[in-house]
Amino acid sequence: MLIDTCARLSAMPDLCCEPLLSSDLSDEHAAELATVLKALADPVRLKLVNVIAAAGEGCACDFPAVVDRSQATVSHHLGLLVKAGILSREQRGKWAWFRVNEERLNDVRAILA
C-alpha cells in the first residue's frame, strides 16, 4: 500500500521532494532502543551514567552524594539502568560497582546519527 501511494505521489510534479520509503530500523530494535532512551530520560539516571562514563567505573557508595539522593533511590535508578543494559554491575565485597555498556550506548548513538 505504501509503495503504491508513494508511486502515485512521486508522479505528481507539485511535490517538494521524494517521499520517504523505508527505515532500516526494525520494530523490535526500535522497541529495544526506546527502552534504553526511556531509562536515560531521567535527570538522575542521566547524571549517574555521565559520572560513571567519565570515571570509567563507579562504586554505588559514592553515588548518593553525587546526585543528592538516598542510597535506596540511587539503587533503584541503577537497577533500571542495568535492566536497560546501559550499565553493567559487578559485586565487589559489600559494594556494587558499575560500568557503562559502551556497546549499548554506541547502538543508541548510531541510530541518532
C-alpha atoms as a PDB file:
ATOM      1  CA  MET A   1       0.000   0.000   0.000  1.00  0.00           C
ATOM      2  CA  LEU A   2       2.756   2.476   0.961  1.00  0.00           C
ATOM      3  CA  ILE A   3       4.711   1.758  -2.223  1.00  0.00           C
ATOM      4  CA  ASP A   4       1.592   2.227  -4.378  1.00  0.00           C
ATOM      5  CA  THR A   5       0.825   5.515  -2.639  1.00  0.00           C
ATOM      6  CA  CYS A   6       4.422   6.679  -2.990  1.00  0.00           C
ATOM      7  CA  ALA A   7       4.488   5.741  -6.670  1.00  0.00           C
ATOM      8  CA  ARG A   8       1.370   7.801  -7.286  1.00  0.00           C
ATOM      9  CA  LEU A   9       2.680  10.745  -5.262  1.00  0.00           C
ATOM     10  CA  SER A  10       6.102  10.751  -6.903  1.00  0.00           C
ATOM     11  CA  ALA A  11       4.412  11.003 -10.274  1.00  0.00           C
ATOM     12  CA  MET A  12       2.881  14.296  -9.147  1.00  0.00           C
ATOM     13  CA  PRO A  13       5.018  17.272 -10.228  1.00  0.00           C
ATOM     14  CA  ASP A  14       3.923  19.567  -7.358  1.00  0.00           C
ATOM     15  CA  LEU A  15       5.680  17.601  -4.603  1.00  0.00           C
ATOM     16  CA  CYS A  16       8.585  19.325  -2.880  1.00  0.00           C
ATOM     17  CA  CYS A  17      10.633  16.135  -2.508  1.00  0.00           C
ATOM     18  CA  GLU A  18      10.692  12.383  -2.915  1.00  0.00           C
ATOM     19  CA  PRO A  19       8.554  10.510  -0.377  1.00  0.00           C
ATOM     20  CA  LEU A  20      10.227   8.572   2.410  1.00  0.00           C
ATOM     21  CA  LEU A  21      10.141   4.888   1.608  1.00  0.00           C
ATOM     22  CA  SER A  22      11.542   2.866   4.477  1.00  0.00           C
ATOM     23  CA  SER A  23      13.684   2.597   7.572  1.00  0.00           C
ATOM     24  CA  ASP A  24      16.421   0.102   8.275  1.00  0.00           C
ATOM     25  CA  LEU A  25      15.311   0.061  11.930  1.00  0.00           C
ATOM     26  CA  SER A  26      13.157  -2.972  12.694  1.00  0.00           C
ATOM     27  CA  ASP A  27      10.172  -2.677  15.016  1.00  0.00           C
ATOM     28  CA  GLU A  28      11.922  -4.973  17.518  1.00  0.00           C
ATOM     29  CA  HIS A  29      15.126  -2.921  17.506  1.00  0.00           C
ATOM     30  CA  ALA A  30      13.120   0.312  17.798  1.00  0.00           C
ATOM     31  CA  ALA A  31      11.306  -1.049  20.864  1.00  0.00           C
ATOM     32  CA  GLU A  32      14.615  -2.113  22.427  1.00  0.00           C
ATOM     33  CA  LEU A  33      16.181   1.300  21.847  1.00  0.00           C
ATOM     34  CA  ALA A  34      13.065   3.039  23.174  1.00  0.00           C
ATOM     35  CA  THR A  35      13.561   1.155  26.450  1.00  0.00           C
ATOM     36  CA  VAL A  36      17.130   2.438  26.625  1.00  0.00           C
ATOM     37  CA  LEU A  37      16.095   6.004  25.831  1.00  0.00           C
ATOM     38  CA  LYS A  38      13.321   5.870  28.443  1.00  0.00           C
ATOM     39  CA  ALA A  39      15.855   4.765  31.046  1.00  0.00           C
ATOM     40  CA  LEU A  40      18.109   7.678  30.097  1.00  0.00           C
ATOM     41  CA  ALA A  41      15.239  10.189  30.093  1.00  0.00           C
ATOM     42  CA  ASP A  42      15.507  10.867  33.813  1.00  0.00           C
ATOM     43  CA  PRO A  43      17.874  13.585  35.090  1.00  0.00           C
ATOM     44  CA  VAL A  44      19.222  11.457  37.965  1.00  0.00           C
ATOM     45  CA  ARG A  45      19.870   8.440  35.733  1.00  0.00           C
ATOM     46  CA  LEU A  46      21.429  10.580  33.040  1.00  0.00           C
ATOM     47  CA  LYS A  47      23.746  12.136  35.620  1.00  0.00           C
ATOM     48  CA  LEU A  48      24.684   8.704  37.000  1.00  0.00           C
ATOM     49  CA  VAL A  49      25.585   7.463  33.518  1.00  0.00           C
ATOM     50  CA  ASN A  50      27.594  10.626  32.879  1.00  0.00           C
ATOM     51  CA  VAL A  51      29.554  10.280  36.126  1.00  0.00           C
ATOM     52  CA  ILE A  52      30.241   6.581  35.564  1.00  0.00           C
ATOM     53  CA  ALA A  53      31.263   7.136  31.948  1.00  0.00           C
ATOM     54  CA  ALA A  54      33.659   9.925  32.940  1.00  0.00           C
ATOM     55  CA  ALA A  55      35.247   7.844  35.717  1.00  0.00           C
ATOM     56  CA  GLY A  56      35.297   4.543  33.820  1.00  0.00           C
ATOM     57  CA  GLU A  57      33.516   2.817  36.714  1.00  0.00           C
ATOM     58  CA  GLY A  58      31.950   3.753  39.999  1.00  0.00           C
ATOM     59  CA  CYS A  59      31.004   2.297  43.343  1.00  0.00           C
ATOM     60  CA  ALA A  60      27.392   2.546  44.470  1.00  0.00           C
ATOM     61  CA  CYS A  61      28.604   4.004  47.775  1.00  0.00           C
ATOM     62  CA  ASP A  62      29.729   7.212  46.025  1.00  0.00           C
ATOM     63  CA  PHE A  63      26.570   7.995  44.075  1.00  0.00           C
ATOM     64  CA  PRO A  64      24.156   9.280  46.752  1.00  0.00           C
ATOM     65  CA  ALA A  65      26.392  12.290  47.376  1.00  0.00           C
ATOM     66  CA  VAL A  66      26.890  12.904  43.657  1.00  0.00           C
ATOM     67  CA  VAL A  67      23.168  13.041  42.840  1.00  0.00           C
ATOM     68  CA  ASP A  68      21.932  14.199  46.270  1.00  0.00           C
ATOM     69  CA  ARG A  69      19.570  11.238  46.682  1.00  0.00           C
ATOM     70  CA  SER A  70      19.234   8.452  49.231  1.00  0.00           C
ATOM     71  CA  GLN A  71      21.035   5.142  48.759  1.00  0.00           C
ATOM     72  CA  ALA A  72      17.667   3.444  48.167  1.00  0.00           C
ATOM     73  CA  THR A  73      16.743   5.907  45.425  1.00  0.00           C
ATOM     74  CA  VAL A  74      20.156   5.576  43.793  1.00  0.00           C
ATOM     75  CA  SER A  75      19.879   1.778  43.924  1.00  0.00           C
ATOM     76  CA  HIS A  76      16.501   1.972  42.219  1.00  0.00           C
ATOM     77  CA  HIS A  77      17.903   4.156  39.419  1.00  0.00           C
ATOM     78  CA  LEU A  78      20.979   1.957  38.999  1.00  0.00           C
ATOM     79  CA  GLY A  79      18.760  -1.126  38.793  1.00  0.00           C
ATOM     80  CA  LEU A  80      16.749   0.415  35.957  1.00  0.00           C
ATOM     81  CA  LEU A  81      19.938   1.332  34.092  1.00  0.00           C
ATOM     82  CA  VAL A  82      21.269  -2.214  34.485  1.00  0.00           C
ATOM     83  CA  LYS A  83      17.932  -3.687  33.356  1.00  0.00           C
ATOM     84  CA  ALA A  84      18.020  -1.492  30.237  1.00  0.00           C
ATOM     85  CA  GLY A  85      21.542  -2.730  29.507  1.00  0.00           C
ATOM     86  CA  ILE A  86      23.123   0.709  29.854  1.00  0.00           C
ATOM     87  CA  LEU A  87      25.217  -0.262  32.867  1.00  0.00           C
ATOM     88  CA  SER A  88      26.846  -3.495  33.928  1.00  0.00           C
ATOM     89  CA  ARG A  89      27.094  -4.382  37.608  1.00  0.00           C
ATOM     90  CA  GLU A  90      29.865  -6.236  39.426  1.00  0.00           C
ATOM     91  CA  GLN A  91      29.718  -7.161  43.097  1.00  0.00           C
ATOM     92  CA  ARG A  92      32.973  -6.500  44.976  1.00  0.00           C
ATOM     93  CA  GLY A  93      32.576  -7.452  48.594  1.00  0.00           C
ATOM     94  CA  LYS A  94      29.798  -5.379  50.140  1.00  0.00           C
ATOM     95  CA  TRP A  95      29.530  -2.872  47.298  1.00  0.00           C
ATOM     96  CA  ALA A  96      28.326  -2.969  43.720  1.00  0.00           C
ATOM     97  CA  TRP A  97      30.476  -1.383  41.035  1.00  0.00           C
ATOM     98  CA  PHE A  98      29.078  -0.123  37.760  1.00  0.00           C
ATOM     99  CA  ARG A  99      30.460   0.401  34.264  1.00  0.00           C
ATOM    100  CA  VAL A 100      28.842   1.850  31.164  1.00  0.00           C
ATOM    101  CA  ASN A 101      27.960  -0.701  28.489  1.00  0.00           C
ATOM    102  CA  GLU A 102      29.650   1.042  25.554  1.00  0.00           C
ATOM    103  CA  GLU A 103      28.106  -1.332  23.024  1.00  0.00           C
ATOM    104  CA  ARG A 104      24.594  -0.348  24.121  1.00  0.00           C
ATOM    105  CA  LEU A 105      25.374   3.374  24.030  1.00  0.00           C
ATOM    106  CA  ASN A 106      27.051   3.034  20.638  1.00  0.00           C
ATOM    107  CA  ASP A 107      23.857   1.419  19.391  1.00  0.00           C
ATOM    108  CA  VAL A 108      21.896   4.461  20.561  1.00  0.00           C
ATOM    109  CA  ARG A 109      24.461   6.845  19.051  1.00  0.00           C
ATOM    110  CA  ALA A 110      24.296   5.049  15.703  1.00  0.00           C
ATOM    111  CA  ILE A 111      20.552   5.311  15.418  1.00  0.00           C
ATOM    112  CA  LEU A 112      20.575   9.020  16.313  1.00  0.00           C
ATOM    113  CA  ALA A 113      23.377   9.875  13.887  1.00  0.00           C
END
